[in-house]
Amino acid sequence: MQRKDFFKDGLKEITKEILKTPIGSYIDERLQSFIKALEPFAIHHSESQKEKTNILFVRPPGSNPDPNAFNELCTACNDCIIACPHYAIFKFNGIHGPIMNPNYKACHICDDYPCIAACETKALMPLKEDTLPYFGYAQIEQEKCLNFELINTKKRKLNCSICYDVCPVEDAIELKNKVPTVLENCIGCGICKHQCPESAIKIIIE
C-alpha cells in the first residue's frame, strides 16, 4: 500500500477496527456527546449579531440561584455537558459555564440528574425532595395548534393530545374539551415543544 493510500484508506480501516473494541466504543460515545453538545452552539452561531448579544438561557438543574456564586463555583469543566444523556446542556461563546435553552434542546428531568452528579465543585447541587428544576413555561400558539384549528369542526375527534401525553410534570397541561391549556405547574422543560407536530409551542424563559 502506497503512503498516500495508507492515509486515505488505511487509517479509515484502522479507525473502524478500533471503534469495535471496548475502548473504541467509549471514544465514539464521547465524540458523539461532543458533537451533540456543539449542535445548539452551531444554531446560535448562525443567528444575527444582535440576537447573539441578547441570548436567553437558563442554567442546568441544581444551579446555584445566585449568578455570582455560580460563576465562582463553576470551573467550566464541561463535565455536566458530557454527562447529559439528552445533550440539553451546552456552552456558548462569551458566557461562562454551561447553559440550557429548552427551545433548542429539552430537559428530560432525569431521575438521577447525571448533570448534577457530574459536578464536583457544587455549582450544581442536588434538588430538594419533590422539587423540580424551573426553566420557564410553555406557551401554545393557537393559530398553529391543531386543537384550536379544529375546535369548531366535525373533525374534533382527530385532535392532537401529544403535548398532554408526553408532559412529565403532573398537572402542567390539561385538555379541556380537547383544547390544551398550560397550567402553573409547568416548568418549561421543553419536551412538549419538541414533540408537537405543528411547532405550536414555545418556551418562555424567565
N, C-alpha and C. Protein backbone atom coordinates (compact mmCIF):
# COMPACT_ATOMS: atom_id res chain seq x y z
N MET A 1 0.86 -1.20 0.00
CA MET A 1 0.00 0.00 0.00
C MET A 1 0.89 1.25 0.00
N GLN A 2 0.66 2.14 -0.95
CA GLN A 2 1.42 3.37 -1.01
C GLN A 2 1.05 4.28 0.14
N ARG A 3 2.00 5.20 0.45
CA ARG A 3 1.80 6.07 1.61
C ARG A 3 0.51 6.88 1.51
N LYS A 4 0.23 7.43 0.33
CA LYS A 4 -0.97 8.24 0.18
C LYS A 4 -2.24 7.40 0.35
N ASP A 5 -2.16 6.12 -0.11
CA ASP A 5 -3.31 5.24 0.05
C ASP A 5 -3.50 4.84 1.52
N PHE A 6 -2.37 4.71 2.23
CA PHE A 6 -2.46 4.36 3.65
C PHE A 6 -3.22 5.45 4.42
N PHE A 7 -2.86 6.69 4.17
CA PHE A 7 -3.51 7.78 4.89
C PHE A 7 -4.95 8.00 4.42
N LYS A 8 -5.21 7.59 3.20
CA LYS A 8 -6.57 7.77 2.67
C LYS A 8 -7.50 6.65 3.09
N ASP A 9 -7.02 5.42 2.93
CA ASP A 9 -7.88 4.26 3.17
C ASP A 9 -7.45 3.44 4.39
N GLY A 10 -6.14 3.33 4.60
CA GLY A 10 -5.64 2.51 5.70
C GLY A 10 -6.08 3.01 7.06
N LEU A 11 -5.96 4.31 7.30
CA LEU A 11 -6.36 4.86 8.58
C LEU A 11 -7.86 4.73 8.81
N LYS A 12 -8.61 4.81 7.72
CA LYS A 12 -10.06 4.66 7.82
C LYS A 12 -10.41 3.27 8.33
N GLU A 13 -9.73 2.24 7.78
CA GLU A 13 -9.99 0.87 8.20
C GLU A 13 -9.53 0.62 9.63
N ILE A 14 -8.38 1.18 9.98
CA ILE A 14 -7.87 1.04 11.34
C ILE A 14 -8.85 1.66 12.33
N THR A 15 -9.37 2.83 11.98
CA THR A 15 -10.33 3.51 12.85
C THR A 15 -11.57 2.66 13.06
N LYS A 16 -12.05 2.03 11.98
CA LYS A 16 -13.24 1.18 12.08
C LYS A 16 -13.00 0.03 13.06
N GLU A 17 -11.80 -0.56 12.98
CA GLU A 17 -11.48 -1.68 13.85
C GLU A 17 -11.37 -1.23 15.31
N ILE A 18 -10.77 -0.07 15.52
CA ILE A 18 -10.63 0.46 16.88
C ILE A 18 -12.00 0.71 17.51
N LEU A 19 -12.92 1.23 16.72
CA LEU A 19 -14.25 1.55 17.24
C LEU A 19 -15.03 0.31 17.62
N LYS A 20 -14.60 -0.85 17.15
CA LYS A 20 -15.28 -2.10 17.51
C LYS A 20 -14.83 -2.61 18.88
N THR A 21 -13.75 -2.07 19.41
CA THR A 21 -13.23 -2.50 20.70
C THR A 21 -13.94 -1.75 21.82
N PRO A 22 -13.85 -2.25 23.08
CA PRO A 22 -14.48 -1.54 24.21
C PRO A 22 -14.01 -0.09 24.35
N ILE A 23 -12.68 0.12 24.25
CA ILE A 23 -12.17 1.48 24.37
C ILE A 23 -12.62 2.32 23.18
N GLY A 24 -12.73 1.69 22.02
CA GLY A 24 -13.22 2.41 20.84
C GLY A 24 -14.65 2.85 21.01
N SER A 25 -15.46 1.99 21.60
CA SER A 25 -16.86 2.34 21.84
C SER A 25 -16.95 3.53 22.78
N TYR A 26 -16.09 3.55 23.78
CA TYR A 26 -16.09 4.65 24.74
C TYR A 26 -15.71 5.95 24.03
N ILE A 27 -14.64 5.87 23.20
CA ILE A 27 -14.21 7.06 22.47
C ILE A 27 -15.31 7.56 21.56
N ASP A 28 -15.98 6.63 20.86
CA ASP A 28 -17.06 7.01 19.96
C ASP A 28 -18.19 7.69 20.71
N GLU A 29 -18.51 7.15 21.90
CA GLU A 29 -19.59 7.74 22.71
C GLU A 29 -19.23 9.16 23.13
N ARG A 30 -17.96 9.36 23.53
CA ARG A 30 -17.53 10.70 23.93
C ARG A 30 -17.57 11.66 22.74
N LEU A 31 -17.16 11.17 21.58
CA LEU A 31 -17.19 12.03 20.39
C LEU A 31 -18.61 12.42 20.03
N GLN A 32 -19.55 11.46 20.14
CA GLN A 32 -20.94 11.76 19.85
C GLN A 32 -21.49 12.79 20.83
N SER A 33 -21.11 12.66 22.09
CA SER A 33 -21.54 13.63 23.09
C SER A 33 -21.01 15.00 22.76
N PHE A 34 -19.76 15.04 22.32
CA PHE A 34 -19.13 16.31 21.98
C PHE A 34 -19.84 16.96 20.79
N ILE A 35 -20.14 16.15 19.78
CA ILE A 35 -20.82 16.68 18.59
C ILE A 35 -22.20 17.21 18.94
N LYS A 36 -22.95 16.45 19.75
CA LYS A 36 -24.28 16.86 20.14
C LYS A 36 -24.23 18.12 20.99
N ALA A 37 -23.21 18.21 21.84
CA ALA A 37 -23.08 19.38 22.69
C ALA A 37 -22.83 20.64 21.88
N LEU A 38 -22.19 20.49 20.72
CA LEU A 38 -21.91 21.64 19.87
C LEU A 38 -23.08 22.03 18.99
N GLU A 39 -24.07 21.16 18.84
CA GLU A 39 -25.17 21.43 17.92
C GLU A 39 -25.92 22.72 18.25
N PRO A 40 -26.32 22.95 19.51
CA PRO A 40 -27.01 24.20 19.81
C PRO A 40 -26.12 25.41 19.55
N PHE A 41 -24.80 25.26 19.81
CA PHE A 41 -23.88 26.35 19.53
C PHE A 41 -23.91 26.72 18.06
N ALA A 42 -23.95 25.70 17.20
CA ALA A 42 -23.99 25.94 15.76
C ALA A 42 -25.26 26.69 15.38
N ILE A 43 -26.37 26.34 16.05
CA ILE A 43 -27.64 27.03 15.78
C ILE A 43 -27.53 28.49 16.17
N HIS A 44 -27.03 28.73 17.38
CA HIS A 44 -26.90 30.11 17.84
C HIS A 44 -25.89 30.88 16.99
N HIS A 45 -24.82 30.20 16.58
CA HIS A 45 -23.76 30.88 15.85
C HIS A 45 -24.25 31.42 14.52
N SER A 46 -25.30 30.82 13.98
CA SER A 46 -25.82 31.25 12.69
C SER A 46 -26.80 32.42 12.81
N GLU A 47 -27.12 32.79 14.04
CA GLU A 47 -28.06 33.88 14.23
C GLU A 47 -27.37 35.22 14.03
N SER A 48 -28.17 36.29 13.94
CA SER A 48 -27.62 37.61 13.73
C SER A 48 -26.84 38.08 14.96
N GLN A 49 -25.95 39.03 14.76
CA GLN A 49 -25.14 39.53 15.87
C GLN A 49 -26.02 40.15 16.95
N LYS A 50 -27.09 40.80 16.55
CA LYS A 50 -27.99 41.42 17.51
C LYS A 50 -28.63 40.36 18.40
N GLU A 51 -29.04 39.25 17.80
CA GLU A 51 -29.66 38.17 18.57
C GLU A 51 -28.65 37.52 19.49
N LYS A 52 -27.39 37.43 19.04
CA LYS A 52 -26.35 36.81 19.85
C LYS A 52 -26.15 37.55 21.16
N THR A 53 -26.23 38.88 21.11
CA THR A 53 -25.97 39.67 22.31
C THR A 53 -27.14 39.63 23.27
N ASN A 54 -28.27 39.07 22.85
CA ASN A 54 -29.46 39.02 23.70
C ASN A 54 -29.93 37.58 23.91
N ILE A 55 -29.01 36.64 23.89
CA ILE A 55 -29.37 35.25 24.04
C ILE A 55 -30.00 35.00 25.40
N LEU A 56 -31.13 34.29 25.39
CA LEU A 56 -31.79 33.91 26.62
C LEU A 56 -31.37 32.50 26.98
N PHE A 57 -31.06 32.29 28.24
CA PHE A 57 -30.64 30.96 28.65
C PHE A 57 -30.95 30.75 30.13
N VAL A 58 -30.91 29.49 30.52
CA VAL A 58 -31.03 29.13 31.92
C VAL A 58 -29.86 28.21 32.25
N ARG A 59 -29.62 28.02 33.54
CA ARG A 59 -28.55 27.13 33.96
C ARG A 59 -29.10 25.72 34.16
N PRO A 60 -28.24 24.72 34.21
CA PRO A 60 -28.69 23.34 34.42
C PRO A 60 -29.38 23.15 35.76
N PRO A 61 -30.11 22.05 35.92
CA PRO A 61 -30.78 21.75 37.18
C PRO A 61 -29.81 21.78 38.36
N GLY A 62 -30.28 22.32 39.48
CA GLY A 62 -29.47 22.36 40.68
C GLY A 62 -28.47 23.49 40.74
N SER A 63 -28.52 24.40 39.76
CA SER A 63 -27.57 25.52 39.75
C SER A 63 -27.78 26.44 40.93
N ASN A 64 -26.70 26.98 41.43
CA ASN A 64 -26.79 27.98 42.48
C ASN A 64 -27.59 29.16 41.95
N PRO A 65 -28.66 29.57 42.64
CA PRO A 65 -29.52 30.64 42.12
C PRO A 65 -28.84 32.00 42.06
N ASP A 66 -27.76 32.17 42.81
CA ASP A 66 -27.01 33.43 42.78
C ASP A 66 -26.02 33.37 41.62
N PRO A 67 -26.19 34.19 40.58
CA PRO A 67 -25.31 34.12 39.40
C PRO A 67 -23.83 34.28 39.76
N ASN A 68 -23.53 35.19 40.68
CA ASN A 68 -22.13 35.40 41.06
C ASN A 68 -21.55 34.18 41.76
N ALA A 69 -22.36 33.59 42.66
CA ALA A 69 -21.90 32.40 43.38
C ALA A 69 -21.71 31.24 42.40
N PHE A 70 -22.63 31.13 41.44
CA PHE A 70 -22.50 30.06 40.44
C PHE A 70 -21.21 30.22 39.65
N ASN A 71 -20.93 31.42 39.20
CA ASN A 71 -19.73 31.66 38.41
C ASN A 71 -18.45 31.39 39.19
N GLU A 72 -18.50 31.65 40.49
CA GLU A 72 -17.33 31.39 41.33
C GLU A 72 -17.11 29.89 41.51
N LEU A 73 -18.21 29.14 41.63
CA LEU A 73 -18.11 27.70 41.85
C LEU A 73 -17.83 26.93 40.56
N CYS A 74 -18.40 27.38 39.47
CA CYS A 74 -18.29 26.66 38.20
C CYS A 74 -16.93 26.92 37.56
N THR A 75 -16.24 25.84 37.22
CA THR A 75 -14.94 25.95 36.55
C THR A 75 -15.04 25.78 35.04
N ALA A 76 -16.27 25.65 34.54
CA ALA A 76 -16.50 25.43 33.11
C ALA A 76 -15.75 24.20 32.62
N CYS A 77 -15.80 23.13 33.41
CA CYS A 77 -15.07 21.91 33.09
C CYS A 77 -15.76 21.06 32.02
N ASN A 78 -17.04 21.34 31.77
CA ASN A 78 -17.84 20.64 30.75
C ASN A 78 -18.32 19.26 31.19
N ASP A 79 -18.07 18.86 32.42
CA ASP A 79 -18.49 17.53 32.87
C ASP A 79 -20.00 17.35 32.80
N CYS A 80 -20.76 18.37 33.15
CA CYS A 80 -22.22 18.27 33.10
C CYS A 80 -22.71 18.18 31.66
N ILE A 81 -22.00 18.83 30.75
CA ILE A 81 -22.36 18.79 29.34
C ILE A 81 -22.22 17.37 28.81
N ILE A 82 -21.10 16.74 29.13
CA ILE A 82 -20.84 15.38 28.67
C ILE A 82 -21.78 14.39 29.35
N ALA A 83 -22.11 14.65 30.62
CA ALA A 83 -22.94 13.72 31.39
C ALA A 83 -24.40 13.71 30.94
N CYS A 84 -24.88 14.79 30.37
CA CYS A 84 -26.29 14.88 29.99
C CYS A 84 -26.59 13.90 28.85
N PRO A 85 -27.44 12.91 29.08
CA PRO A 85 -27.71 11.90 28.05
C PRO A 85 -28.56 12.42 26.90
N HIS A 86 -29.16 13.60 27.08
CA HIS A 86 -30.04 14.15 26.05
C HIS A 86 -29.44 15.38 25.37
N TYR A 87 -28.19 15.67 25.69
CA TYR A 87 -27.46 16.76 25.04
C TYR A 87 -28.18 18.11 25.19
N ALA A 88 -28.78 18.32 26.34
CA ALA A 88 -29.55 19.53 26.56
C ALA A 88 -28.72 20.66 27.17
N ILE A 89 -27.48 20.36 27.53
CA ILE A 89 -26.60 21.36 28.15
C ILE A 89 -25.48 21.66 27.18
N PHE A 90 -25.13 22.92 27.04
CA PHE A 90 -24.09 23.28 26.10
C PHE A 90 -23.37 24.55 26.52
N LYS A 91 -22.38 24.92 25.77
CA LYS A 91 -21.62 26.14 26.03
C LYS A 91 -21.94 27.17 24.95
N PHE A 92 -21.71 28.43 25.28
CA PHE A 92 -21.90 29.48 24.29
C PHE A 92 -20.80 30.51 24.47
N ASN A 93 -20.22 30.90 23.38
CA ASN A 93 -19.12 31.85 23.41
C ASN A 93 -19.50 33.13 24.13
N GLY A 94 -18.71 33.52 25.13
CA GLY A 94 -18.96 34.75 25.87
C GLY A 94 -19.74 34.55 27.14
N ILE A 95 -20.23 33.33 27.39
CA ILE A 95 -20.98 33.03 28.61
C ILE A 95 -20.19 32.00 29.40
N HIS A 96 -19.92 32.29 30.66
CA HIS A 96 -19.14 31.37 31.49
C HIS A 96 -19.99 30.19 31.92
N GLY A 97 -19.47 29.01 31.71
CA GLY A 97 -20.12 27.81 32.21
C GLY A 97 -21.25 27.30 31.34
N PRO A 98 -21.89 26.22 31.78
CA PRO A 98 -22.94 25.55 30.99
C PRO A 98 -24.26 26.32 30.99
N ILE A 99 -24.96 26.24 29.88
CA ILE A 99 -26.27 26.86 29.78
C ILE A 99 -27.25 25.90 29.11
N MET A 100 -28.52 26.25 29.20
CA MET A 100 -29.57 25.47 28.55
C MET A 100 -30.57 26.43 27.91
N ASN A 101 -31.23 25.95 26.89
CA ASN A 101 -32.35 26.67 26.30
C ASN A 101 -33.33 25.61 25.80
N PRO A 102 -34.43 25.38 26.54
CA PRO A 102 -35.38 24.32 26.18
C PRO A 102 -36.00 24.48 24.80
N ASN A 103 -35.88 25.67 24.21
CA ASN A 103 -36.38 25.83 22.85
C ASN A 103 -35.49 25.11 21.84
N TYR A 104 -34.24 24.85 22.20
CA TYR A 104 -33.32 24.14 21.32
C TYR A 104 -33.19 22.67 21.70
N LYS A 105 -33.08 22.40 23.00
CA LYS A 105 -32.98 21.03 23.49
C LYS A 105 -33.77 20.93 24.79
N ALA A 106 -34.64 19.95 24.87
CA ALA A 106 -35.48 19.80 26.07
C ALA A 106 -34.70 19.14 27.20
N CYS A 107 -35.01 19.56 28.42
CA CYS A 107 -34.50 18.87 29.60
C CYS A 107 -35.47 17.73 29.92
N HIS A 108 -34.97 16.51 30.05
CA HIS A 108 -35.83 15.35 30.27
C HIS A 108 -36.01 15.03 31.75
N ILE A 109 -35.53 15.91 32.60
CA ILE A 109 -35.74 15.77 34.05
C ILE A 109 -35.39 14.36 34.50
N CYS A 110 -34.17 13.96 34.24
CA CYS A 110 -33.71 12.61 34.58
C CYS A 110 -33.89 12.33 36.07
N ASP A 111 -34.25 11.10 36.38
CA ASP A 111 -34.44 10.73 37.78
C ASP A 111 -33.18 10.90 38.61
N ASP A 112 -32.04 10.58 38.01
CA ASP A 112 -30.78 10.62 38.77
C ASP A 112 -29.97 11.89 38.50
N TYR A 113 -30.47 12.78 37.66
CA TYR A 113 -29.77 14.03 37.34
C TYR A 113 -28.27 13.82 37.16
N PRO A 114 -27.86 13.14 36.09
CA PRO A 114 -26.43 12.90 35.87
C PRO A 114 -25.61 14.19 35.75
N CYS A 115 -26.24 15.27 35.32
CA CYS A 115 -25.52 16.55 35.23
C CYS A 115 -25.08 17.01 36.61
N ILE A 116 -25.97 16.85 37.60
CA ILE A 116 -25.65 17.26 38.97
C ILE A 116 -24.60 16.32 39.55
N ALA A 117 -24.77 15.03 39.31
CA ALA A 117 -23.83 14.05 39.85
C ALA A 117 -22.41 14.27 39.30
N ALA A 118 -22.32 14.81 38.09
CA ALA A 118 -21.01 15.01 37.46
C ALA A 118 -20.28 16.24 37.98
N CYS A 119 -21.00 17.13 38.64
CA CYS A 119 -20.40 18.39 39.10
C CYS A 119 -19.67 18.18 40.42
N GLU A 120 -18.36 18.39 40.42
CA GLU A 120 -17.54 18.19 41.61
C GLU A 120 -17.31 19.47 42.40
N THR A 121 -17.70 20.61 41.84
CA THR A 121 -17.43 21.88 42.52
C THR A 121 -18.65 22.43 43.25
N LYS A 122 -19.76 21.70 43.19
CA LYS A 122 -21.01 22.09 43.85
C LYS A 122 -21.65 23.33 43.24
N ALA A 123 -21.30 23.60 41.98
CA ALA A 123 -22.03 24.64 41.25
C ALA A 123 -23.45 24.14 40.97
N LEU A 124 -23.56 22.81 40.83
CA LEU A 124 -24.86 22.15 40.70
C LEU A 124 -25.05 21.27 41.93
N MET A 125 -26.13 21.51 42.63
CA MET A 125 -26.40 20.78 43.87
C MET A 125 -27.68 19.96 43.75
N PRO A 126 -27.76 18.84 44.46
CA PRO A 126 -28.98 18.01 44.43
C PRO A 126 -30.21 18.83 44.80
N LEU A 127 -31.31 18.57 44.10
CA LEU A 127 -32.56 19.28 44.39
C LEU A 127 -33.22 18.70 45.63
N LYS A 128 -33.98 19.53 46.29
CA LYS A 128 -34.73 19.05 47.45
C LYS A 128 -35.77 18.03 47.00
N GLU A 129 -36.13 17.16 47.89
CA GLU A 129 -37.10 16.11 47.58
C GLU A 129 -38.41 16.71 47.07
N ASP A 130 -38.96 16.10 46.05
CA ASP A 130 -40.22 16.55 45.43
C ASP A 130 -40.11 17.95 44.82
N THR A 131 -38.90 18.35 44.47
CA THR A 131 -38.68 19.64 43.82
C THR A 131 -38.16 19.42 42.40
N LEU A 132 -38.69 20.18 41.45
CA LEU A 132 -38.26 20.07 40.06
C LEU A 132 -37.53 21.34 39.66
N PRO A 133 -36.62 21.24 38.70
CA PRO A 133 -35.97 22.46 38.20
C PRO A 133 -36.99 23.33 37.47
N TYR A 134 -36.72 24.60 37.38
CA TYR A 134 -37.64 25.51 36.69
C TYR A 134 -36.88 26.28 35.62
N PHE A 135 -37.42 26.28 34.42
CA PHE A 135 -36.79 26.95 33.29
C PHE A 135 -37.65 28.10 32.75
N GLY A 136 -38.96 27.99 32.91
CA GLY A 136 -39.89 28.97 32.37
C GLY A 136 -41.25 28.31 32.22
N TYR A 137 -41.94 28.61 31.14
CA TYR A 137 -43.24 27.97 30.93
C TYR A 137 -43.53 27.86 29.43
N ALA A 138 -44.34 26.86 29.11
CA ALA A 138 -44.72 26.63 27.73
C ALA A 138 -45.85 27.58 27.32
N GLN A 139 -45.80 28.02 26.10
CA GLN A 139 -46.86 28.89 25.55
C GLN A 139 -47.33 28.28 24.24
N ILE A 140 -48.62 28.07 24.14
CA ILE A 140 -49.20 27.44 22.93
C ILE A 140 -49.67 28.52 21.96
N GLU A 141 -49.21 28.43 20.74
CA GLU A 141 -49.63 29.37 19.71
C GLU A 141 -50.90 28.83 19.06
N GLN A 142 -52.01 29.45 19.39
CA GLN A 142 -53.32 28.93 18.99
C GLN A 142 -53.47 28.80 17.48
N GLU A 143 -52.87 29.73 16.74
CA GLU A 143 -53.05 29.70 15.28
C GLU A 143 -52.37 28.50 14.64
N LYS A 144 -51.44 27.86 15.36
CA LYS A 144 -50.74 26.69 14.83
C LYS A 144 -51.27 25.37 15.39
N CYS A 145 -51.88 25.42 16.55
CA CYS A 145 -52.30 24.20 17.23
C CYS A 145 -53.49 23.54 16.54
N LEU A 146 -53.40 22.24 16.29
CA LEU A 146 -54.48 21.51 15.63
C LEU A 146 -55.78 21.56 16.43
N ASN A 147 -55.65 21.57 17.74
CA ASN A 147 -56.84 21.57 18.59
C ASN A 147 -57.68 22.83 18.38
N PHE A 148 -57.00 23.95 18.30
CA PHE A 148 -57.73 25.21 18.10
C PHE A 148 -58.24 25.31 16.67
N GLU A 149 -57.46 24.80 15.73
CA GLU A 149 -57.85 24.86 14.32
C GLU A 149 -59.13 24.07 14.07
N LEU A 150 -59.29 22.96 14.77
CA LEU A 150 -60.42 22.08 14.53
C LEU A 150 -61.53 22.22 15.57
N ILE A 151 -61.43 23.23 16.41
CA ILE A 151 -62.34 23.34 17.55
C ILE A 151 -63.80 23.44 17.14
N ASN A 152 -64.05 24.06 16.02
CA ASN A 152 -65.44 24.24 15.59
C ASN A 152 -65.79 23.38 14.38
N THR A 153 -65.05 22.31 14.20
CA THR A 153 -65.32 21.44 13.06
C THR A 153 -65.75 20.06 13.54
N LYS A 154 -66.20 19.26 12.61
CA LYS A 154 -66.63 17.91 12.94
C LYS A 154 -65.44 16.96 13.11
N LYS A 155 -64.23 17.46 12.87
CA LYS A 155 -63.04 16.62 12.96
C LYS A 155 -62.42 16.64 14.35
N ARG A 156 -63.12 17.13 15.33
CA ARG A 156 -62.53 17.29 16.65
C ARG A 156 -62.05 15.98 17.24
N LYS A 157 -62.63 14.87 16.83
CA LYS A 157 -62.19 13.58 17.34
C LYS A 157 -60.76 13.25 16.89
N LEU A 158 -60.28 13.99 15.88
CA LEU A 158 -58.93 13.77 15.37
C LEU A 158 -57.91 14.67 16.06
N ASN A 159 -58.37 15.48 16.99
CA ASN A 159 -57.46 16.42 17.62
C ASN A 159 -56.27 15.75 18.28
N CYS A 160 -55.18 16.50 18.32
CA CYS A 160 -53.91 16.01 18.85
C CYS A 160 -53.87 16.15 20.38
N SER A 161 -53.23 15.20 21.05
CA SER A 161 -53.07 15.29 22.50
C SER A 161 -51.62 14.99 22.89
N ILE A 162 -50.70 15.15 21.95
CA ILE A 162 -49.31 14.78 22.19
C ILE A 162 -48.71 15.59 23.34
N CYS A 163 -48.94 16.90 23.38
CA CYS A 163 -48.34 17.72 24.44
C CYS A 163 -48.78 17.24 25.82
N TYR A 164 -50.04 16.87 25.91
CA TYR A 164 -50.58 16.36 27.18
C TYR A 164 -50.00 14.99 27.51
N ASP A 165 -49.87 14.15 26.49
CA ASP A 165 -49.40 12.77 26.69
C ASP A 165 -47.94 12.70 27.11
N VAL A 166 -47.10 13.56 26.54
CA VAL A 166 -45.66 13.47 26.81
C VAL A 166 -45.20 14.30 28.00
N CYS A 167 -46.04 15.16 28.51
CA CYS A 167 -45.64 16.04 29.61
C CYS A 167 -45.24 15.22 30.84
N PRO A 168 -44.03 15.40 31.36
CA PRO A 168 -43.57 14.60 32.51
C PRO A 168 -43.98 15.18 33.86
N VAL A 169 -44.61 16.36 33.83
CA VAL A 169 -44.95 17.04 35.08
C VAL A 169 -46.46 16.94 35.33
N GLU A 170 -46.80 16.47 36.49
CA GLU A 170 -48.21 16.30 36.83
C GLU A 170 -48.94 17.64 36.86
N ASP A 171 -50.10 17.67 36.24
CA ASP A 171 -50.96 18.86 36.22
C ASP A 171 -50.25 20.09 35.65
N ALA A 172 -49.46 19.89 34.61
CA ALA A 172 -48.82 21.03 33.94
C ALA A 172 -49.58 21.43 32.68
N ILE A 173 -50.27 20.45 32.07
CA ILE A 173 -51.10 20.70 30.90
C ILE A 173 -52.42 19.97 31.08
N GLU A 174 -53.50 20.64 30.76
CA GLU A 174 -54.80 19.98 30.80
C GLU A 174 -55.48 20.09 29.44
N LEU A 175 -56.35 19.13 29.17
CA LEU A 175 -57.16 19.17 27.95
C LEU A 175 -58.60 19.41 28.36
N LYS A 176 -59.09 20.58 28.06
CA LYS A 176 -60.46 20.92 28.36
C LYS A 176 -61.22 20.99 27.06
N ASN A 177 -62.16 20.06 26.87
CA ASN A 177 -62.84 19.93 25.59
C ASN A 177 -61.83 19.75 24.46
N LYS A 178 -60.77 18.97 24.78
CA LYS A 178 -59.70 18.62 23.84
C LYS A 178 -58.78 19.79 23.49
N VAL A 179 -58.96 20.91 24.15
CA VAL A 179 -58.10 22.06 23.90
C VAL A 179 -57.03 22.14 25.00
N PRO A 180 -55.74 22.16 24.66
CA PRO A 180 -54.68 22.16 25.67
C PRO A 180 -54.52 23.53 26.33
N THR A 181 -54.33 23.49 27.63
CA THR A 181 -54.07 24.70 28.40
C THR A 181 -52.88 24.44 29.31
N VAL A 182 -51.94 25.37 29.33
CA VAL A 182 -50.76 25.24 30.19
C VAL A 182 -51.10 25.77 31.57
N LEU A 183 -50.80 24.98 32.59
CA LEU A 183 -51.11 25.34 33.97
C LEU A 183 -49.86 25.83 34.71
N GLU A 184 -50.07 26.28 35.94
CA GLU A 184 -48.99 26.87 36.72
C GLU A 184 -47.88 25.88 37.06
N ASN A 185 -48.18 24.59 37.04
CA ASN A 185 -47.17 23.59 37.37
C ASN A 185 -46.10 23.43 36.29
N CYS A 186 -46.32 24.01 35.13
CA CYS A 186 -45.36 23.90 34.02
C CYS A 186 -44.01 24.45 34.45
N ILE A 187 -42.93 23.72 34.12
CA ILE A 187 -41.59 24.16 34.46
C ILE A 187 -40.78 24.57 33.22
N GLY A 188 -41.41 24.45 32.05
CA GLY A 188 -40.73 24.87 30.83
C GLY A 188 -39.61 23.95 30.40
N CYS A 189 -39.78 22.64 30.62
CA CYS A 189 -38.71 21.68 30.27
C CYS A 189 -38.51 21.57 28.76
N GLY A 190 -39.56 21.83 27.98
CA GLY A 190 -39.44 21.83 26.52
C GLY A 190 -39.81 20.53 25.84
N ILE A 191 -40.16 19.51 26.60
CA ILE A 191 -40.49 18.22 25.98
C ILE A 191 -41.70 18.34 25.07
N CYS A 192 -42.72 19.03 25.53
CA CYS A 192 -43.92 19.20 24.70
C CYS A 192 -43.60 19.95 23.42
N LYS A 193 -42.75 20.96 23.53
CA LYS A 193 -42.39 21.76 22.35
C LYS A 193 -41.77 20.89 21.27
N HIS A 194 -40.86 20.01 21.66
CA HIS A 194 -40.13 19.22 20.67
C HIS A 194 -40.93 18.04 20.15
N GLN A 195 -42.03 17.71 20.81
CA GLN A 195 -42.88 16.63 20.35
C GLN A 195 -44.08 17.14 19.56
N CYS A 196 -44.35 18.43 19.63
CA CYS A 196 -45.51 19.00 18.94
C CYS A 196 -45.34 18.89 17.42
N PRO A 197 -46.23 18.22 16.72
CA PRO A 197 -46.08 18.03 15.27
C PRO A 197 -46.28 19.30 14.46
N GLU A 198 -46.87 20.33 15.08
CA GLU A 198 -47.15 21.56 14.35
C GLU A 198 -46.26 22.72 14.78
N SER A 199 -45.29 22.44 15.65
CA SER A 199 -44.40 23.50 16.18
C SER A 199 -45.22 24.64 16.76
N ALA A 200 -46.24 24.28 17.51
CA ALA A 200 -47.16 25.28 18.04
C ALA A 200 -46.82 25.71 19.45
N ILE A 201 -45.71 25.23 19.99
CA ILE A 201 -45.35 25.53 21.38
C ILE A 201 -43.96 26.16 21.42
N LYS A 202 -43.82 27.17 22.25
CA LYS A 202 -42.50 27.73 22.52
C LYS A 202 -42.35 27.89 24.03
N ILE A 203 -41.12 27.89 24.48
CA ILE A 203 -40.85 28.02 25.90
C ILE A 203 -40.45 29.46 26.21
N ILE A 204 -41.18 30.06 27.12
CA ILE A 204 -40.86 31.41 27.57
C ILE A 204 -39.90 31.28 28.75
N ILE A 205 -38.68 31.72 28.54
CA ILE A 205 -37.65 31.62 29.57
C ILE A 205 -37.75 32.81 30.52
N GLU A 206 -37.75 32.51 31.82
CA GLU A 206 -37.85 33.58 32.81
C GLU A 206 -36.56 33.69 33.60
